[in-house]
PDB file of N, CA and C in Angstrom:
ATOM      1  N   MET A   1     -18.827 -15.201   1.185  1.00  0.00           N
ATOM      2  CA  MET A   1     -17.699 -14.113   0.736  1.00  0.00           C
ATOM      3  C   MET A   1     -17.186 -14.502  -0.533  1.00  0.00           C
ATOM      4  N   HIS A   2     -17.111 -13.504  -1.345  1.00  0.00           N
ATOM      5  CA  HIS A   2     -16.514 -13.684  -2.656  1.00  0.00           C
ATOM      6  C   HIS A   2     -15.796 -12.461  -3.058  1.00  0.00           C
ATOM      7  N   PRO A   3     -14.179 -12.825  -3.759  1.00  0.00           N
ATOM      8  CA  PRO A   3     -13.719 -11.464  -4.288  1.00  0.00           C
ATOM      9  C   PRO A   3     -14.537 -10.700  -5.359  1.00  0.00           C
ATOM     10  N   VAL A   4     -14.183  -9.485  -5.361  1.00  0.00           N
ATOM     11  CA  VAL A   4     -14.835  -8.764  -6.355  1.00  0.00           C
ATOM     12  C   VAL A   4     -13.958  -7.538  -7.256  1.00  0.00           C
ATOM     13  N   MET A   5     -14.047  -7.521  -8.216  1.00  0.00           N
ATOM     14  CA  MET A   5     -13.305  -6.506  -8.947  1.00  0.00           C
ATOM     15  C   MET A   5     -13.462  -5.257  -8.359  1.00  0.00           C
ATOM     16  N   PHE A   6     -12.419  -4.375  -8.272  1.00  0.00           N
ATOM     17  CA  PHE A   6     -12.337  -3.076  -7.873  1.00  0.00           C
ATOM     18  C   PHE A   6     -11.799  -1.970  -8.721  1.00  0.00           C
ATOM     19  N   PRO A   7     -11.872  -0.834  -8.560  1.00  0.00           N
ATOM     20  CA  PRO A   7     -11.366   0.175  -9.884  1.00  0.00           C
ATOM     21  C   PRO A   7      -9.908   0.152  -9.541  1.00  0.00           C
ATOM     22  N   GLU A   8      -9.258  -0.167  -8.413  1.00  0.00           N
ATOM     23  CA  GLU A   8      -7.613  -0.186  -8.283  1.00  0.00           C
ATOM     24  C   GLU A   8      -6.997  -1.317  -8.864  1.00  0.00           C
ATOM     25  N   SER A   9      -7.813  -2.269  -9.210  1.00  0.00           N
ATOM     26  CA  SER A   9      -7.147  -3.748  -9.669  1.00  0.00           C
ATOM     27  C   SER A   9      -6.461  -3.775 -10.747  1.00  0.00           C
ATOM     28  N   ASN A  10      -5.213  -4.096 -10.749  1.00  0.00           N
ATOM     29  CA  ASN A  10      -4.182  -3.741 -12.050  1.00  0.00           C
ATOM     30  C   ASN A  10      -3.735  -5.428 -12.416  1.00  0.00           C
ATOM     31  N   PHE A  11      -4.246  -6.607 -12.015  1.00  0.00           N
ATOM     32  CA  PHE A  11      -3.995  -7.676 -12.344  1.00  0.00           C
ATOM     33  C   PHE A  11      -5.043  -8.599 -11.704  1.00  0.00           C
ATOM     34  N   VAL A  12      -5.128 -10.032 -12.343  1.00  0.00           N
ATOM     35  CA  VAL A  12      -5.752 -10.937 -11.935  1.00  0.00           C
ATOM     36  C   VAL A  12      -5.097 -12.022 -11.578  1.00  0.00           C
ATOM     37  N   LEU A  13      -5.019 -12.740 -10.388  1.00  0.00           N
ATOM     38  CA  LEU A  13      -4.429 -14.004 -10.195  1.00  0.00           C
ATOM     39  C   LEU A  13      -5.241 -15.077 -10.593  1.00  0.00           C
ATOM     40  N   GLY A  14      -4.660 -16.135 -11.253  1.00  0.00           N
ATOM     41  CA  GLY A  14      -5.149 -17.265 -11.685  1.00  0.00           C
ATOM     42  C   GLY A  14      -5.182 -18.218 -10.385  1.00  0.00           C
ATOM     43  N   LYS A  15      -6.219 -19.289 -10.639  1.00  0.00           N
ATOM     44  CA  LYS A  15      -5.971 -20.314  -9.556  1.00  0.00           C
ATOM     45  C   LYS A  15      -5.046 -21.427  -9.776  1.00  0.00           C
ATOM     46  N   PRO A  16      -4.440 -22.017  -8.589  1.00  0.00           N
ATOM     47  CA  PRO A  16      -3.325 -23.149  -9.185  1.00  0.00           C
ATOM     48  C   PRO A  16      -4.120 -24.082  -9.978  1.00  0.00           C
ATOM     49  N   ALA A  17      -3.122 -24.713 -10.850  1.00  0.00           N
ATOM     50  CA  ALA A  17      -3.629 -25.616 -11.880  1.00  0.00           C
ATOM     51  C   ALA A  17      -4.271 -26.982 -11.190  1.00  0.00           C
ATOM     52  N   GLU A  18      -3.794 -27.340 -10.079  1.00  0.00           N
ATOM     53  CA  GLU A  18      -4.145 -28.577  -8.978  1.00  0.00           C
ATOM     54  C   GLU A  18      -5.565 -28.134  -8.391  1.00  0.00           C
ATOM     55  N   MET A  19      -6.051 -26.927  -8.463  1.00  0.00           N
ATOM     56  CA  MET A  19      -7.461 -26.766  -7.749  1.00  0.00           C
ATOM     57  C   MET A  19      -8.250 -26.669  -8.844  1.00  0.00           C
ATOM     58  N   THR A  20      -9.712 -26.907  -8.432  1.00  0.00           N
ATOM     59  CA  THR A  20     -10.719 -26.776  -9.091  1.00  0.00           C
ATOM     60  C   THR A  20     -11.296 -25.551  -8.839  1.00  0.00           C
ATOM     61  N   HIS A  21     -12.400 -25.166  -9.860  1.00  0.00           N
ATOM     62  CA  HIS A  21     -12.923 -23.659  -9.779  1.00  0.00           C
ATOM     63  C   HIS A  21     -13.772 -23.785  -8.497  1.00  0.00           C
ATOM     64  N   ASP A  22     -14.511 -24.936  -8.012  1.00  0.00           N
ATOM     65  CA  ASP A  22     -15.166 -24.631  -6.901  1.00  0.00           C
ATOM     66  C   ASP A  22     -14.242 -24.605  -5.544  1.00  0.00           C
ATOM     67  N   GLU A  23     -12.711 -24.943  -5.776  1.00  0.00           N
ATOM     68  CA  GLU A  23     -12.001 -24.622  -4.531  1.00  0.00           C
ATOM     69  C   GLU A  23     -11.239 -22.985  -4.554  1.00  0.00           C
ATOM     70  N   CYS A  24     -11.321 -22.635  -5.832  1.00  0.00           N
ATOM     71  CA  CYS A  24     -10.455 -21.344  -6.033  1.00  0.00           C
ATOM     72  C   CYS A  24     -10.929 -20.621  -7.176  1.00  0.00           C
ATOM     73  N   VAL A  25     -11.044 -19.357  -7.210  1.00  0.00           N
ATOM     74  CA  VAL A  25     -11.494 -18.461  -8.326  1.00  0.00           C
ATOM     75  C   VAL A  25     -10.401 -17.705  -8.705  1.00  0.00           C
ATOM     76  N   PRO A  26     -10.403 -17.064  -9.819  1.00  0.00           N
ATOM     77  CA  PRO A  26      -9.458 -15.974 -10.344  1.00  0.00           C
ATOM     78  C   PRO A  26      -9.731 -14.910  -9.197  1.00  0.00           C
ATOM     79  N   LEU A  27      -8.867 -14.182  -8.778  1.00  0.00           N
ATOM     80  CA  LEU A  27      -8.739 -13.166  -7.802  1.00  0.00           C
ATOM     81  C   LEU A  27      -8.099 -11.884  -8.527  1.00  0.00           C
ATOM     82  N   PRO A  28      -9.007 -10.707  -8.427  1.00  0.00           N
ATOM     83  CA  PRO A  28      -8.794  -9.192  -8.956  1.00  0.00           C
ATOM     84  C   PRO A  28      -7.926  -8.771  -7.785  1.00  0.00           C
ATOM     85  N   VAL A  29      -6.683  -8.319  -8.066  1.00  0.00           N
ATOM     86  CA  VAL A  29      -5.805  -7.755  -7.091  1.00  0.00           C
ATOM     87  C   VAL A  29      -5.124  -6.423  -7.784  1.00  0.00           C
ATOM     88  N   TRP A  30      -4.914  -5.535  -6.848  1.00  0.00           N
ATOM     89  CA  TRP A  30      -3.771  -4.581  -6.966  1.00  0.00           C
ATOM     90  C   TRP A  30      -2.428  -5.002  -6.411  1.00  0.00           C
ATOM     91  N   ARG A  31      -1.459  -4.818  -7.127  1.00  0.00           N
ATOM     92  CA  ARG A  31      -0.273  -5.080  -6.544  1.00  0.00           C
ATOM     93  C   ARG A  31       0.925  -4.160  -7.130  1.00  0.00           C
ATOM     94  N   ASP A  32       1.839  -4.082  -6.448  1.00  0.00           N
ATOM     95  CA  ASP A  32       3.011  -3.061  -6.589  1.00  0.00           C
ATOM     96  C   ASP A  32       4.514  -3.834  -6.337  1.00  0.00           C
ATOM     97  N   GLY A  33       4.495  -4.921  -6.240  1.00  0.00           N
ATOM     98  CA  GLY A  33       5.785  -5.487  -6.019  1.00  0.00           C
ATOM     99  C   GLY A  33       6.050  -5.654  -4.494  1.00  0.00           C
ATOM    100  N   GLN A  34       5.185  -5.109  -3.676  1.00  0.00           N
ATOM    101  CA  GLN A  34       5.543  -4.920  -2.330  1.00  0.00           C
ATOM    102  C   GLN A  34       4.445  -5.704  -1.536  1.00  0.00           C
ATOM    103  N   GLN A  35       3.259  -5.222  -2.095  1.00  0.00           N
ATOM    104  CA  GLN A  35       2.145  -6.039  -1.547  1.00  0.00           C
ATOM    105  C   GLN A  35       1.009  -6.217  -2.714  1.00  0.00           C
ATOM    106  N   CYS A  36       0.292  -7.030  -2.276  1.00  0.00           N
ATOM    107  CA  CYS A  36      -1.059  -7.447  -3.194  1.00  0.00           C
ATOM    108  C   CYS A  36      -2.584  -7.376  -2.245  1.00  0.00           C
ATOM    109  N   ILE A  37      -3.297  -6.561  -2.960  1.00  0.00           N
ATOM    110  CA  ILE A  37      -4.727  -6.258  -2.140  1.00  0.00           C
ATOM    111  C   ILE A  37      -5.647  -6.959  -3.067  1.00  0.00           C
ATOM    112  N   SER A  38      -6.775  -7.449  -2.335  1.00  0.00           N
ATOM    113  CA  SER A  38      -7.848  -8.122  -2.789  1.00  0.00           C
ATOM    114  C   SER A  38      -9.198  -7.379  -2.079  1.00  0.00           C
ATOM    115  N   CYS A  39     -10.270  -7.525  -2.679  1.00  0.00           N
ATOM    116  CA  CYS A  39     -11.374  -6.912  -2.200  1.00  0.00           C
ATOM    117  C   CYS A  39     -12.623  -8.048  -2.203  1.00  0.00           C
ATOM    118  N   TRP A  40     -13.209  -8.213  -0.797  1.00  0.00           N
ATOM    119  CA  TRP A  40     -14.107  -9.196  -0.909  1.00  0.00           C
ATOM    120  C   TRP A  40     -15.562  -8.541  -0.355  1.00  0.00           C
ATOM    121  N   GLN A  41     -16.673  -9.259  -0.955  1.00  0.00           N
ATOM    122  CA  GLN A  41     -18.068  -8.961  -0.825  1.00  0.00           C
ATOM    123  C   GLN A  41     -18.454  -9.931   0.229  1.00  0.00           C
ATOM    124  N   LEU A  42     -19.317  -9.537   1.142  1.00  0.00           N
ATOM    125  CA  LEU A  42     -20.008 -10.150   2.027  1.00  0.00           C
ATOM    126  C   LEU A  42     -21.216 -10.544   1.819  1.00  0.00           C
ATOM    127  N   THR A  43     -21.936 -11.710   1.964  1.00  0.00           N
ATOM    128  CA  THR A  43     -23.540 -11.716   1.936  1.00  0.00           C
ATOM    129  C   THR A  43     -23.992 -11.229   3.144  1.00  0.00           C
ATOM    130  N   ASP A  44     -25.399 -11.312   2.986  1.00  0.00           N
ATOM    131  CA  ASP A  44     -26.061 -10.641   4.224  1.00  0.00           C
ATOM    132  C   ASP A  44     -25.694 -11.613   5.498  1.00  0.00           C
ATOM    133  N   ALA A  45     -25.894 -12.791   5.216  1.00  0.00           N
ATOM    134  CA  ALA A  45     -25.709 -13.688   6.381  1.00  0.00           C
ATOM    135  C   ALA A  45     -24.496 -13.662   6.912  1.00  0.00           C
ATOM    136  N   GLU A  46     -23.421 -13.483   6.045  1.00  0.00           N
ATOM    137  CA  GLU A  46     -21.934 -13.514   6.572  1.00  0.00           C
ATOM    138  C   GLU A  46     -21.869 -12.226   7.669  1.00  0.00           C
ATOM    139  N   LEU A  47     -22.251 -10.952   6.921  1.00  0.00           N
ATOM    140  CA  LEU A  47     -22.245  -9.731   7.538  1.00  0.00           C
ATOM    141  C   LEU A  47     -22.896  -9.945   9.053  1.00  0.00           C
ATOM    142  N   ALA A  48     -24.376 -10.594   9.110  1.00  0.00           N
ATOM    143  CA  ALA A  48     -25.053 -10.829  10.325  1.00  0.00           C
ATOM    144  C   ALA A  48     -24.131 -11.458  11.124  1.00  0.00           C
ATOM    145  N   GLU A  49     -23.465 -12.683  10.584  1.00  0.00           N
ATOM    146  CA  GLU A  49     -22.595 -13.399  11.745  1.00  0.00           C
ATOM    147  C   GLU A  49     -21.451 -12.573  12.227  1.00  0.00           C
ATOM    148  N   ILE A  50     -20.814 -11.764  11.380  1.00  0.00           N
ATOM    149  CA  ILE A  50     -19.831 -10.833  11.906  1.00  0.00           C
ATOM    150  C   ILE A  50     -20.275  -9.803  13.044  1.00  0.00           C
ATOM    151  N   VAL A  51     -21.417  -9.484  12.824  1.00  0.00           N
ATOM    152  CA  VAL A  51     -22.243  -8.544  13.761  1.00  0.00           C
ATOM    153  C   VAL A  51     -22.434  -9.254  15.135  1.00  0.00           C
ATOM    154  N   LYS A  52     -22.643 -10.594  14.978  1.00  0.00           N
ATOM    155  CA  LYS A  52     -23.154 -11.256  16.221  1.00  0.00           C
ATOM    156  C   LYS A  52     -21.938 -11.886  16.748  1.00  0.00           C
ATOM    157  N   THR A  53     -20.769 -12.204  16.136  1.00  0.00           N
ATOM    158  CA  THR A  53     -19.645 -12.655  16.952  1.00  0.00           C
ATOM    159  C   THR A  53     -18.504 -11.837  16.944  1.00  0.00           C
ATOM    160  N   LYS A  54     -18.420 -10.575  16.138  1.00  0.00           N
ATOM    161  CA  LYS A  54     -17.391  -9.764  16.295  1.00  0.00           C
ATOM    162  C   LYS A  54     -15.968 -10.448  15.746  1.00  0.00           C
ATOM    163  N   ARG A  55     -16.001 -11.442  14.869  1.00  0.00           N
ATOM    164  CA  ARG A  55     -14.774 -12.196  14.284  1.00  0.00           C
ATOM    165  C   ARG A  55     -14.766 -12.363  13.090  1.00  0.00           C
ATOM    166  N   VAL A  56     -13.666 -12.552  12.491  1.00  0.00           N
ATOM    167  CA  VAL A  56     -13.211 -12.875  11.083  1.00  0.00           C
ATOM    168  C   VAL A  56     -11.934 -13.726  11.352  1.00  0.00           C
ATOM    169  N   TYR A  57     -12.031 -14.847  10.510  1.00  0.00           N
ATOM    170  CA  TYR A  57     -11.193 -15.689  10.702  1.00  0.00           C
ATOM    171  C   TYR A  57     -10.034 -15.928   9.171  1.00  0.00           C
ATOM    172  N   LEU A  58      -8.932 -15.713   9.278  1.00  0.00           N
ATOM    173  CA  LEU A  58      -8.045 -15.755   7.925  1.00  0.00           C
ATOM    174  C   LEU A  58      -7.259 -16.965   7.894  1.00  0.00           C
ATOM    175  N   SER A  59      -7.482 -17.534   6.771  1.00  0.00           N
ATOM    176  CA  SER A  59      -6.744 -18.836   6.333  1.00  0.00           C
ATOM    177  C   SER A  59      -5.838 -18.767   5.127  1.00  0.00           C
ATOM    178  N   CYS A  60      -4.843 -19.279   5.237  1.00  0.00           N
ATOM    179  CA  CYS A  60      -3.762 -19.149   4.223  1.00  0.00           C
ATOM    180  C   CYS A  60      -3.316 -20.729   3.797  1.00  0.00           C
ATOM    181  N   ILE A  61      -3.444 -20.822   2.490  1.00  0.00           N
ATOM    182  CA  ILE A  61      -3.214 -22.311   2.121  1.00  0.00           C
ATOM    183  C   ILE A  61      -1.829 -22.426   1.754  1.00  0.00           C
ATOM    184  N   THR A  62      -1.050 -22.704   2.977  1.00  0.00           N
ATOM    185  CA  THR A  62       0.189 -22.678   3.158  1.00  0.00           C
ATOM    186  C   THR A  62       0.844 -23.888   3.870  1.00  0.00           C
ATOM    187  N   GLY A  63       0.160 -24.244   4.577  1.00  0.00           N
ATOM    188  CA  GLY A  63       0.156 -25.553   5.600  1.00  0.00           C
ATOM    189  C   GLY A  63       0.999 -25.505   6.947  1.00  0.00           C
ATOM    190  N   TRP A  64       1.936 -24.648   6.894  1.00  0.00           N
ATOM    191  CA  TRP A  64       2.580 -24.634   8.261  1.00  0.00           C
ATOM    192  C   TRP A  64       2.810 -23.246   8.906  1.00  0.00           C
ATOM    193  N   SER A  65       2.324 -22.160   8.042  1.00  0.00           N
ATOM    194  CA  SER A  65       2.680 -20.944   8.634  1.00  0.00           C
ATOM    195  C   SER A  65       1.395 -19.826   7.768  1.00  0.00           C
ATOM    196  N   GLN A  66       1.721 -18.789   8.377  1.00  0.00           N
ATOM    197  CA  GLN A  66       0.878 -17.756   7.581  1.00  0.00           C
ATOM    198  C   GLN A  66       2.066 -16.586   7.223  1.00  0.00           C
ATOM    199  N   PRO A  67       1.993 -16.059   5.927  1.00  0.00           N
ATOM    200  CA  PRO A  67       2.774 -14.779   5.329  1.00  0.00           C
ATOM    201  C   PRO A  67       2.309 -13.721   6.176  1.00  0.00           C
ATOM    202  N   PRO A  68       2.964 -12.613   6.315  1.00  0.00           N
ATOM    203  CA  PRO A  68       2.434 -11.181   6.923  1.00  0.00           C
ATOM    204  C   PRO A  68       1.260 -10.854   5.925  1.00  0.00           C
ATOM    205  N   VAL A  69       0.144 -10.653   6.769  1.00  0.00           N
ATOM    206  CA  VAL A  69      -1.208 -10.479   6.268  1.00  0.00           C
ATOM    207  C   VAL A  69      -1.850  -9.320   7.092  1.00  0.00           C
ATOM    208  N   TRP A  70      -2.916  -8.630   6.537  1.00  0.00           N
ATOM    209  CA  TRP A  70      -3.543  -7.534   7.267  1.00  0.00           C
ATOM    210  C   TRP A  70      -5.026  -7.854   6.638  1.00  0.00           C
ATOM    211  N   LEU A  71      -5.934  -7.469   7.467  1.00  0.00           N
ATOM    212  CA  LEU A  71      -7.559  -7.207   7.029  1.00  0.00           C
ATOM    213  C   LEU A  71      -7.869  -5.701   7.313  1.00  0.00           C
ATOM    214  N   ALA A  72      -8.734  -5.002   6.492  1.00  0.00           N
ATOM    215  CA  ALA A  72      -9.106  -3.971   6.664  1.00  0.00           C
ATOM    216  C   ALA A  72     -10.755  -3.598   6.307  1.00  0.00           C
ATOM    217  N   ILE A  73     -11.309  -2.801   6.958  1.00  0.00           N
ATOM    218  CA  ILE A  73     -12.859  -2.439   6.696  1.00  0.00           C
ATOM    219  C   ILE A  73     -12.910  -1.172   5.839  1.00  0.00           C
ATOM    220  N   LYS A  74     -11.659  -0.218   5.825  1.00  0.00           N
ATOM    221  CA  LYS A  74     -11.832   0.762   5.234  1.00  0.00           C
ATOM    222  C   LYS A  74     -11.087   0.937   3.801  1.00  0.00           C
ATOM    223  N   ASN A  75     -11.634   1.278   2.719  1.00  0.00           N
ATOM    224  CA  ASN A  75     -10.642   1.248   1.614  1.00  0.00           C
ATOM    225  C   ASN A  75      -9.170   1.795   1.656  1.00  0.00           C
ATOM    226  N   PRO A  76      -8.348   0.837   1.602  1.00  0.00           N
ATOM    227  CA  PRO A  76      -6.947   1.423   1.551  1.00  0.00           C
ATOM    228  C   PRO A  76      -6.505   2.372   0.564  1.00  0.00           C
ATOM    229  N   PHE A  77      -7.144   2.487  -0.599  1.00  0.00           N
ATOM    230  CA  PHE A  77      -6.746   3.384  -1.585  1.00  0.00           C
ATOM    231  C   PHE A  77      -7.367   4.924  -1.474  1.00  0.00           C
ATOM    232  N   THR A  78      -8.189   5.050  -0.423  1.00  0.00           N
ATOM    233  CA  THR A  78      -9.048   6.452  -0.206  1.00  0.00           C
ATOM    234  C   THR A  78      -8.174   7.186   0.930  1.00  0.00           C
ATOM    235  N   THR A  79      -7.601   8.125   0.616  1.00  0.00           N
ATOM    236  CA  THR A  79      -6.916   8.862   1.743  1.00  0.00           C
ATOM    237  C   THR A  79      -8.119  10.101   2.339  1.00  0.00           C
ATOM    238  N   PRO A  80      -7.516  10.495   3.665  1.00  0.00           N
ATOM    239  CA  PRO A  80      -8.607  11.349   3.974  1.00  0.00           C
ATOM    240  C   PRO A  80      -8.611  12.795   3.427  1.00  0.00           C
ATOM    241  N   GLU A  81      -7.447  13.072   2.639  1.00  0.00           N
ATOM    242  CA  GLU A  81      -7.443  14.263   1.971  1.00  0.00           C
ATOM    243  C   GLU A  81      -8.249  14.209   0.670  1.00  0.00           C
ATOM    244  N   ALA A  82      -8.560  12.959   0.239  1.00  0.00           N
ATOM    245  CA  ALA A  82      -9.525  12.978  -0.918  1.00  0.00           C
ATOM    246  C   ALA A  82     -10.905  13.182  -0.747  1.00  0.00           C
ATOM    247  N   LYS A  83     -11.253  12.993   0.415  1.00  0.00           N
ATOM    248  CA  LYS A  83     -12.624  13.188   0.930  1.00  0.00           C
ATOM    249  C   LYS A  83     -13.212  14.609   0.692  1.00  0.00           C
TER     250      LYS A  83
END
């Protein structure tokens, strides 16, 4: 799975200085001061594993806790009225 650029992105988060490019890559995001949204592309193998297990794991590199987060499969920028 890797982050991808998306039309609504308005900033790119850089990797922490102590991490290598193999550990962390720049992350295109949309942010408004309240939330920060990124978009991720699955490989065919990853998609097959999700279909098989019906599970996704979320890891936050914070050590002791997780900040409030959410996962979505639908584009959060598309409203039903826009269709």
